[in-house]
Amino acid sequence: MGLFTTLIYQPFFNLLVGIYWILGQIAPAAADMGVAVIVFTIIFRIIWLPISFASGRSAKERHEISLKIKEIQQSFSQEPVKLQAEIKKLTRSNRRIIFMSSINLFFQIMVMLMLYRIFTTGLEGADFHLIYSWLPPHPEQFNLTFLGKFDLAHPNWILNWINTGVIFAAELLSSLLSPFPTGRTELMSLFVLPLGAFTFFAYMPAGKKLFVITTLLFSIVLMLAKLVKIVYYESRSRLRKVAYGLIIK
């Protein structure tokens, strides 16, 4: 087995199988891999939180770097040699940010490959030999029909439309909460990204879409919590100013 299979795919594949088994023990008649995927996604996103927070900080830092590069380009527009030297100097001093961005991208690619394999061949039996021996006995086959309607091993257009809508909602909320000004590029991405995602996920297994929908809803909950926090502290700040003004009067 390769490193990808041993270190990434097998542990998460077994986590999903274990969740499915636990849910089957709670409600044997309602064993549903779709529900297991939702629980699996929430656990995965909690594990992923440190990387998500680091990625958010890196995005802010990358934006600041891009502004500095524009300033350098304006300052040394007539001196191409010095321009390249200054950009290299800026890049060298921010290697950590570039490294974190690369790590985040690497893990995202690994997660995509893992999920694609789970829902195309893994749960249909090809990877049953990877299930840990210490796990409880698993069924000869899993119930891959979510809510008795959506086959997780095959594409589903309803889930694809839901996936696209949730991506749009997440991007819109992210844009509203962004500390950076919303430009033409950001506005275009609100529509281009969901449409691109619709095409990209169209022929992927429905299980992958269910994972994406759940993880985006998880992100939306975090963003709404952030919004509530911002509104709360802004309200407190305004109330303090009003109270201070009344005291002075």
C-alpha atoms as a PDB file:
ATOM      1  CA  MET A   1       0.000   0.000   0.000  1.00  0.00           C
ATOM      2  CA  GLY A   2       1.145   3.537  -0.745  1.00  0.00           C
ATOM      3  CA  LEU A   3       1.522   6.346   1.782  1.00  0.00           C
ATOM      4  CA  PHE A   4      -1.723   7.960   0.586  1.00  0.00           C
ATOM      5  CA  THR A   5      -3.671   4.763   1.250  1.00  0.00           C
ATOM      6  CA  THR A   6      -2.030   3.996   4.594  1.00  0.00           C
ATOM      7  CA  LEU A   7      -1.876   7.472   6.125  1.00  0.00           C
ATOM      8  CA  ILE A   8      -4.911   9.243   4.663  1.00  0.00           C
ATOM      9  CA  TYR A   9      -7.374   6.992   2.881  1.00  0.00           C
ATOM     10  CA  GLN A  10      -7.476   3.979   5.217  1.00  0.00           C
ATOM     11  CA  PRO A  11      -7.967   5.883   8.520  1.00  0.00           C
ATOM     12  CA  PHE A  12     -10.814   8.007   7.159  1.00  0.00           C
ATOM     13  CA  PHE A  13     -12.383   5.076   5.316  1.00  0.00           C
ATOM     14  CA  ASN A  14     -12.430   3.156   8.601  1.00  0.00           C
ATOM     15  CA  LEU A  15     -13.815   6.189  10.435  1.00  0.00           C
ATOM     16  CA  LEU A  16     -16.753   6.283   8.019  1.00  0.00           C
ATOM     17  CA  VAL A  17     -17.319   2.514   8.309  1.00  0.00           C
ATOM     18  CA  GLY A  18     -17.153   2.792  12.114  1.00  0.00           C
ATOM     19  CA  ILE A  19     -19.731   5.606  12.160  1.00  0.00           C
ATOM     20  CA  TYR A  20     -22.024   3.571   9.907  1.00  0.00           C
ATOM     21  CA  TRP A  21     -21.703   0.590  12.289  1.00  0.00           C
ATOM     22  CA  ILE A  22     -22.493   2.746  15.368  1.00  0.00           C
ATOM     23  CA  LEU A  23     -25.554   4.244  13.669  1.00  0.00           C
ATOM     24  CA  GLY A  24     -26.649   0.711  12.728  1.00  0.00           C
ATOM     25  CA  GLN A  25     -26.433  -0.302  16.384  1.00  0.00           C
ATOM     26  CA  ILE A  26     -28.557   2.678  17.418  1.00  0.00           C
ATOM     27  CA  ALA A  27     -31.196   2.118  14.721  1.00  0.00           C
ATOM     28  CA  PRO A  28     -30.565  -1.179  12.833  1.00  0.00           C
ATOM     29  CA  ALA A  29     -33.535  -0.735  10.504  1.00  0.00           C
ATOM     30  CA  ALA A  30     -32.428   2.746   9.455  1.00  0.00           C
ATOM     31  CA  ALA A  31     -28.746   2.128   8.668  1.00  0.00           C
ATOM     32  CA  ASP A  32     -28.051   4.848   6.113  1.00  0.00           C
ATOM     33  CA  MET A  33     -24.606   5.654   4.704  1.00  0.00           C
ATOM     34  CA  GLY A  34     -25.815   9.185   3.894  1.00  0.00           C
ATOM     35  CA  VAL A  35     -26.394   9.908   7.591  1.00  0.00           C
ATOM     36  CA  ALA A  36     -22.990   8.372   8.332  1.00  0.00           C
ATOM     37  CA  VAL A  37     -21.437  10.717   5.736  1.00  0.00           C
ATOM     38  CA  ILE A  38     -23.016  13.743   7.448  1.00  0.00           C
ATOM     39  CA  VAL A  39     -21.683  12.692  10.870  1.00  0.00           C
ATOM     40  CA  PHE A  40     -18.313  11.834   9.281  1.00  0.00           C
ATOM     41  CA  THR A  41     -18.150  15.282   7.639  1.00  0.00           C
ATOM     42  CA  ILE A  42     -18.858  17.118  10.899  1.00  0.00           C
ATOM     43  CA  ILE A  43     -16.106  15.131  12.685  1.00  0.00           C
ATOM     44  CA  PHE A  44     -13.762  15.739   9.747  1.00  0.00           C
ATOM     45  CA  ARG A  45     -14.445  19.485   9.766  1.00  0.00           C
ATOM     46  CA  ILE A  46     -13.747  19.680  13.505  1.00  0.00           C
ATOM     47  CA  ILE A  47     -10.399  17.937  12.872  1.00  0.00           C
ATOM     48  CA  TRP A  48      -9.825  20.319   9.947  1.00  0.00           C
ATOM     49  CA  LEU A  49     -10.507  23.517  11.990  1.00  0.00           C
ATOM     50  CA  PRO A  50      -6.833  24.343  12.746  1.00  0.00           C
ATOM     51  CA  ILE A  51      -6.020  24.200   9.021  1.00  0.00           C
ATOM     52  CA  SER A  52      -9.113  26.305   8.214  1.00  0.00           C
ATOM     53  CA  PHE A  53      -8.128  29.008  10.710  1.00  0.00           C
ATOM     54  CA  ALA A  54      -4.531  28.990   9.431  1.00  0.00           C
ATOM     55  CA  SER A  55      -5.844  29.257   5.869  1.00  0.00           C
ATOM     56  CA  GLY A  56      -7.991  32.255   6.830  1.00  0.00           C
ATOM     57  CA  ARG A  57      -4.999  34.042   8.324  1.00  0.00           C
ATOM     58  CA  SER A  58      -2.924  33.171   5.248  1.00  0.00           C
ATOM     59  CA  ALA A  59      -5.596  34.632   2.946  1.00  0.00           C
ATOM     60  CA  LYS A  60      -5.399  37.959   4.789  1.00  0.00           C
ATOM     61  CA  GLU A  61      -1.606  37.900   4.679  1.00  0.00           C
ATOM     62  CA  ARG A  62      -1.602  37.023   0.954  1.00  0.00           C
ATOM     63  CA  HIS A  63      -3.865  40.006   0.306  1.00  0.00           C
ATOM     64  CA  GLU A  64      -1.452  42.272   2.160  1.00  0.00           C
ATOM     65  CA  ILE A  65       1.464  40.836   0.152  1.00  0.00           C
ATOM     66  CA  SER A  66      -0.374  41.498  -3.125  1.00  0.00           C
ATOM     67  CA  LEU A  67      -0.853  45.140  -2.075  1.00  0.00           C
ATOM     68  CA  LYS A  68       2.863  45.420  -1.267  1.00  0.00           C
ATOM     69  CA  ILE A  69       3.752  43.924  -4.667  1.00  0.00           C
ATOM     70  CA  LYS A  70       1.578  46.562  -6.385  1.00  0.00           C
ATOM     71  CA  GLU A  71       3.369  49.279  -4.440  1.00  0.00           C
ATOM     72  CA  ILE A  72       6.752  47.836  -5.461  1.00  0.00           C
ATOM     73  CA  GLN A  73       5.669  47.653  -9.106  1.00  0.00           C
ATOM     74  CA  GLN A  74       4.652  51.302  -9.027  1.00  0.00           C
ATOM     75  CA  SER A  75       7.831  52.410  -7.251  1.00  0.00           C
ATOM     76  CA  PHE A  76      10.231  50.505  -9.524  1.00  0.00           C
ATOM     77  CA  SER A  77       8.294  50.458 -12.794  1.00  0.00           C
ATOM     78  CA  GLN A  78      11.300  51.994 -14.586  1.00  0.00           C
ATOM     79  CA  GLU A  79      13.869  49.709 -12.932  1.00  0.00           C
ATOM     80  CA  PRO A  80      13.046  46.083 -13.899  1.00  0.00           C
ATOM     81  CA  VAL A  81      16.171  44.592 -12.258  1.00  0.00           C
ATOM     82  CA  LYS A  82      15.470  46.256  -8.923  1.00  0.00           C
ATOM     83  CA  LEU A  83      11.781  45.390  -9.268  1.00  0.00           C
ATOM     84  CA  GLN A  84      12.543  41.663  -9.503  1.00  0.00           C
ATOM     85  CA  ALA A  85      15.001  41.907  -6.605  1.00  0.00           C
ATOM     86  CA  GLU A  86      12.437  43.612  -4.361  1.00  0.00           C
ATOM     87  CA  ILE A  87       9.728  41.041  -5.222  1.00  0.00           C
ATOM     88  CA  LYS A  88      12.134  38.175  -4.473  1.00  0.00           C
ATOM     89  CA  LYS A  89      13.040  39.826  -1.182  1.00  0.00           C
ATOM     90  CA  LEU A  90       9.350  40.122  -0.255  1.00  0.00           C
ATOM     91  CA  THR A  91       8.720  36.499  -1.220  1.00  0.00           C
ATOM     92  CA  ARG A  92      11.663  35.218   0.833  1.00  0.00           C
ATOM     93  CA  SER A  93      10.476  37.111   3.910  1.00  0.00           C
ATOM     94  CA  ASN A  94       7.013  35.500   3.619  1.00  0.00           C
ATOM     95  CA  ARG A  95       7.928  31.865   2.973  1.00  0.00           C
ATOM     96  CA  ARG A  96       5.735  30.689   5.863  1.00  0.00           C
ATOM     97  CA  ILE A  97       2.611  32.057   4.172  1.00  0.00           C
ATOM     98  CA  ILE A  98       3.495  30.398   0.866  1.00  0.00           C
ATOM     99  CA  PHE A  99       4.244  27.138   2.707  1.00  0.00           C
ATOM    100  CA  MET A 100       0.898  27.190   4.577  1.00  0.00           C
ATOM    101  CA  SER A 101      -0.976  27.871   1.331  1.00  0.00           C
ATOM    102  CA  SER A 102       0.776  24.931  -0.339  1.00  0.00           C
ATOM    103  CA  ILE A 103       0.000  22.630   2.612  1.00  0.00           C
ATOM    104  CA  ASN A 104      -3.662  23.663   2.561  1.00  0.00           C
ATOM    105  CA  LEU A 105      -3.893  23.020  -1.198  1.00  0.00           C
ATOM    106  CA  PHE A 106      -2.144  19.641  -0.794  1.00  0.00           C
ATOM    107  CA  PHE A 107      -4.606  18.480   1.871  1.00  0.00           C
ATOM    108  CA  GLN A 108      -7.592  19.648  -0.181  1.00  0.00           C
ATOM    109  CA  ILE A 109      -6.383  17.557  -3.138  1.00  0.00           C
ATOM    110  CA  MET A 110      -5.833  14.541  -0.859  1.00  0.00           C
ATOM    111  CA  VAL A 111      -9.359  14.905   0.560  1.00  0.00           C
ATOM    112  CA  MET A 112     -10.865  15.050  -2.940  1.00  0.00           C
ATOM    113  CA  LEU A 113      -9.005  11.899  -3.991  1.00  0.00           C
ATOM    114  CA  MET A 114      -9.997  10.142  -0.759  1.00  0.00           C
ATOM    115  CA  LEU A 115     -13.693  10.936  -1.140  1.00  0.00           C
ATOM    116  CA  TYR A 116     -13.753  10.022  -4.816  1.00  0.00           C
ATOM    117  CA  ARG A 117     -12.256   6.609  -4.057  1.00  0.00           C
ATOM    118  CA  ILE A 118     -14.572   5.979  -1.090  1.00  0.00           C
ATOM    119  CA  PHE A 119     -17.740   6.556  -3.101  1.00  0.00           C
ATOM    120  CA  THR A 120     -16.695   5.026  -6.411  1.00  0.00           C
ATOM    121  CA  THR A 121     -15.086   1.770  -5.305  1.00  0.00           C
ATOM    122  CA  GLY A 122     -14.428   1.722  -1.557  1.00  0.00           C
ATOM    123  CA  LEU A 123     -17.930   1.269  -0.181  1.00  0.00           C
ATOM    124  CA  GLU A 124     -18.930  -1.065  -3.013  1.00  0.00           C
ATOM    125  CA  GLY A 125     -16.462  -3.693  -1.793  1.00  0.00           C
ATOM    126  CA  ALA A 126     -13.134  -3.000  -3.502  1.00  0.00           C
ATOM    127  CA  ASP A 127     -11.539  -1.721  -0.286  1.00  0.00           C
ATOM    128  CA  PHE A 128     -13.139  -3.975   2.317  1.00  0.00           C
ATOM    129  CA  HIS A 129      -9.693  -5.506   2.878  1.00  0.00           C
ATOM    130  CA  LEU A 130      -8.570  -2.128   4.259  1.00  0.00           C
ATOM    131  CA  ILE A 131     -11.052  -2.245   7.140  1.00  0.00           C
ATOM    132  CA  TYR A 132      -9.154  -2.665  10.397  1.00  0.00           C
ATOM    133  CA  SER A 133      -9.422  -6.134  11.909  1.00  0.00           C
ATOM    134  CA  TRP A 134     -10.290  -4.746  15.342  1.00  0.00           C
ATOM    135  CA  LEU A 135     -13.437  -3.037  14.047  1.00  0.00           C
ATOM    136  CA  PRO A 136     -16.752  -4.874  14.664  1.00  0.00           C
ATOM    137  CA  PRO A 137     -17.933  -7.118  11.805  1.00  0.00           C
ATOM    138  CA  HIS A 138     -19.269  -5.074   8.911  1.00  0.00           C
ATOM    139  CA  PRO A 139     -22.097  -6.061   6.542  1.00  0.00           C
ATOM    140  CA  GLU A 140     -21.392  -7.712   3.209  1.00  0.00           C
ATOM    141  CA  GLN A 141     -22.660  -4.520   1.621  1.00  0.00           C
ATOM    142  CA  PHE A 142     -23.616  -1.060   2.820  1.00  0.00           C
ATOM    143  CA  ASN A 143     -26.884   0.783   2.322  1.00  0.00           C
ATOM    144  CA  LEU A 144     -25.671   3.458  -0.086  1.00  0.00           C
ATOM    145  CA  THR A 145     -29.121   5.000  -0.618  1.00  0.00           C
ATOM    146  CA  PHE A 146     -29.502   8.219   1.359  1.00  0.00           C
ATOM    147  CA  LEU A 147     -33.048   8.710   2.717  1.00  0.00           C
ATOM    148  CA  GLY A 148     -34.162   5.901   0.424  1.00  0.00           C
ATOM    149  CA  LYS A 149     -33.797   8.218  -2.590  1.00  0.00           C
ATOM    150  CA  PHE A 150     -30.214   9.259  -3.395  1.00  0.00           C
ATOM    151  CA  ASP A 151     -27.713   6.613  -4.531  1.00  0.00           C
ATOM    152  CA  LEU A 152     -24.424   7.856  -3.090  1.00  0.00           C
ATOM    153  CA  ALA A 153     -22.298   5.830  -5.496  1.00  0.00           C
ATOM    154  CA  HIS A 154     -23.734   7.505  -8.607  1.00  0.00           C
ATOM    155  CA  PRO A 155     -24.311  11.103  -9.792  1.00  0.00           C
ATOM    156  CA  ASN A 156     -27.517  12.834  -8.704  1.00  0.00           C
ATOM    157  CA  TRP A 157     -28.751  16.062 -10.279  1.00  0.00           C
ATOM    158  CA  ILE A 158     -30.920  17.144  -7.325  1.00  0.00           C
ATOM    159  CA  LEU A 159     -27.957  17.032  -4.949  1.00  0.00           C
ATOM    160  CA  ASN A 160     -25.878  18.783  -7.608  1.00  0.00           C
ATOM    161  CA  TRP A 161     -28.330  21.720  -7.679  1.00  0.00           C
ATOM    162  CA  ILE A 162     -28.419  21.826  -3.865  1.00  0.00           C
ATOM    163  CA  ASN A 163     -24.611  21.736  -3.836  1.00  0.00           C
ATOM    164  CA  THR A 164     -24.474  24.691  -6.265  1.00  0.00           C
ATOM    165  CA  GLY A 165     -26.957  26.717  -4.197  1.00  0.00           C
ATOM    166  CA  VAL A 166     -25.041  26.119  -0.961  1.00  0.00           C
ATOM    167  CA  ILE A 167     -21.760  27.109  -2.646  1.00  0.00           C
ATOM    168  CA  PHE A 168     -23.378  30.383  -3.780  1.00  0.00           C
ATOM    169  CA  ALA A 169     -24.716  31.059  -0.261  1.00  0.00           C
ATOM    170  CA  ALA A 170     -21.318  30.332   1.306  1.00  0.00           C
ATOM    171  CA  GLU A 171     -19.499  32.590  -1.179  1.00  0.00           C
ATOM    172  CA  LEU A 172     -22.021  35.408  -0.678  1.00  0.00           C
ATOM    173  CA  LEU A 173     -21.732  35.246   3.108  1.00  0.00           C
ATOM    174  CA  SER A 174     -17.936  35.024   2.894  1.00  0.00           C
ATOM    175  CA  SER A 175     -17.906  38.125   0.680  1.00  0.00           C
ATOM    176  CA  LEU A 176     -20.113  40.045   3.116  1.00  0.00           C
ATOM    177  CA  LEU A 177     -17.858  39.130   6.053  1.00  0.00           C
ATOM    178  CA  SER A 178     -14.576  39.721   4.211  1.00  0.00           C
ATOM    179  CA  PRO A 179     -12.441  42.549   5.659  1.00  0.00           C
ATOM    180  CA  PHE A 180     -11.294  43.330   2.113  1.00  0.00           C
ATOM    181  CA  PRO A 181     -13.282  45.537  -0.282  1.00  0.00           C
ATOM    182  CA  THR A 182     -15.430  43.628  -2.764  1.00  0.00           C
ATOM    183  CA  GLY A 183     -14.204  44.266  -6.297  1.00  0.00           C
ATOM    184  CA  ARG A 184     -15.348  43.193  -9.733  1.00  0.00           C
ATOM    185  CA  THR A 185     -13.367  39.949  -9.527  1.00  0.00           C
ATOM    186  CA  GLU A 186     -15.012  38.956  -6.233  1.00  0.00           C
ATOM    187  CA  LEU A 187     -18.487  39.751  -7.590  1.00  0.00           C
ATOM    188  CA  MET A 188     -17.860  37.662 -10.696  1.00  0.00           C
ATOM    189  CA  SER A 189     -16.660  34.729  -8.577  1.00  0.00           C
ATOM    190  CA  LEU A 190     -20.031  34.714  -6.759  1.00  0.00           C
ATOM    191  CA  PHE A 191     -21.591  33.405  -9.970  1.00  0.00           C
ATOM    192  CA  VAL A 192     -18.660  31.848 -11.823  1.00  0.00           C
ATOM    193  CA  LEU A 193     -17.606  29.589  -8.929  1.00  0.00           C
ATOM    194  CA  PRO A 194     -21.063  27.989  -8.346  1.00  0.00           C
ATOM    195  CA  LEU A 195     -21.552  27.443 -12.090  1.00  0.00           C
ATOM    196  CA  GLY A 196     -18.068  25.964 -12.392  1.00  0.00           C
ATOM    197  CA  ALA A 197     -18.756  23.735  -9.384  1.00  0.00           C
ATOM    198  CA  PHE A 198     -22.030  22.567 -10.943  1.00  0.00           C
ATOM    199  CA  THR A 199     -20.125  21.375 -14.017  1.00  0.00           C
ATOM    200  CA  PHE A 200     -17.210  19.966 -12.003  1.00  0.00           C
ATOM    201  CA  PHE A 201     -19.421  17.897  -9.654  1.00  0.00           C
ATOM    202  CA  ALA A 202     -22.035  16.933 -12.262  1.00  0.00           C
ATOM    203  CA  TYR A 203     -20.787  13.385 -12.846  1.00  0.00           C
ATOM    204  CA  MET A 204     -19.227  12.770  -9.461  1.00  0.00           C
ATOM    205  CA  PRO A 205     -20.787  10.333  -6.972  1.00  0.00           C
ATOM    206  CA  ALA A 206     -23.611  11.822  -4.893  1.00  0.00           C
ATOM    207  CA  GLY A 207     -21.726  10.888  -1.707  1.00  0.00           C
ATOM    208  CA  LYS A 208     -19.030  13.411  -2.602  1.00  0.00           C
ATOM    209  CA  LYS A 209     -21.699  16.098  -3.085  1.00  0.00           C
ATOM    210  CA  LEU A 210     -23.286  15.249   0.254  1.00  0.00           C
ATOM    211  CA  PHE A 211     -19.881  15.711   1.889  1.00  0.00           C
ATOM    212  CA  VAL A 212     -19.414  19.107   0.183  1.00  0.00           C
ATOM    213  CA  ILE A 213     -22.935  20.252   1.110  1.00  0.00           C
ATOM    214  CA  THR A 214     -22.407  19.303   4.750  1.00  0.00           C
ATOM    215  CA  THR A 215     -18.959  20.877   4.984  1.00  0.00           C
ATOM    216  CA  LEU A 216     -20.233  24.120   3.428  1.00  0.00           C
ATOM    217  CA  LEU A 217     -23.193  24.233   5.814  1.00  0.00           C
ATOM    218  CA  PHE A 218     -20.688  23.740   8.643  1.00  0.00           C
ATOM    219  CA  SER A 219     -18.696  26.715   7.281  1.00  0.00           C
ATOM    220  CA  ILE A 220     -21.871  28.801   6.977  1.00  0.00           C
ATOM    221  CA  VAL A 221     -22.704  28.096  10.639  1.00  0.00           C
ATOM    222  CA  LEU A 222     -19.193  29.250  11.621  1.00  0.00           C
ATOM    223  CA  MET A 223     -19.548  32.412   9.517  1.00  0.00           C
ATOM    224  CA  LEU A 224     -22.980  33.184  11.006  1.00  0.00           C
ATOM    225  CA  ALA A 225     -21.508  32.725  14.487  1.00  0.00           C
ATOM    226  CA  LYS A 226     -18.765  35.182  13.498  1.00  0.00           C
ATOM    227  CA  LEU A 227     -21.411  37.618  12.209  1.00  0.00           C
ATOM    228  CA  VAL A 228     -23.387  37.380  15.466  1.00  0.00           C
ATOM    229  CA  LYS A 229     -20.174  38.024  17.405  1.00  0.00           C
ATOM    230  CA  ILE A 230     -19.381  41.106  15.284  1.00  0.00           C
ATOM    231  CA  VAL A 231     -22.917  42.505  15.673  1.00  0.00           C
ATOM    232  CA  TYR A 232     -22.820  41.829  19.430  1.00  0.00           C
ATOM    233  CA  TYR A 233     -19.520  43.652  20.001  1.00  0.00           C
ATOM    234  CA  GLU A 234     -20.509  46.540  17.710  1.00  0.00           C
ATOM    235  CA  SER A 235     -23.788  46.906  19.641  1.00  0.00           C
ATOM    236  CA  ARG A 236     -21.908  46.920  22.960  1.00  0.00           C
ATOM    237  CA  SER A 237     -19.506  49.524  21.612  1.00  0.00           C
ATOM    238  CA  ARG A 238     -22.350  51.799  20.482  1.00  0.00           C
ATOM    239  CA  LEU A 239     -24.171  51.412  23.797  1.00  0.00           C
ATOM    240  CA  ARG A 240     -20.993  52.359  25.677  1.00  0.00           C
ATOM    241  CA  LYS A 241     -20.582  55.478  23.531  1.00  0.00           C
ATOM    242  CA  VAL A 242     -24.215  56.466  24.138  1.00  0.00           C
ATOM    243  CA  ALA A 243     -23.870  55.846  27.878  1.00  0.00           C
ATOM    244  CA  TYR A 244     -20.604  57.822  27.973  1.00  0.00           C
ATOM    245  CA  GLY A 245     -22.282  60.720  26.136  1.00  0.00           C
ATOM    246  CA  LEU A 246     -25.163  60.750  28.614  1.00  0.00           C
ATOM    247  CA  ILE A 247     -22.775  60.752  31.588  1.00  0.00           C
ATOM    248  CA  ILE A 248     -20.846  63.733  30.186  1.00  0.00           C
ATOM    249  CA  LYS A 249     -24.074  65.652  29.646  1.00  0.00           C
END
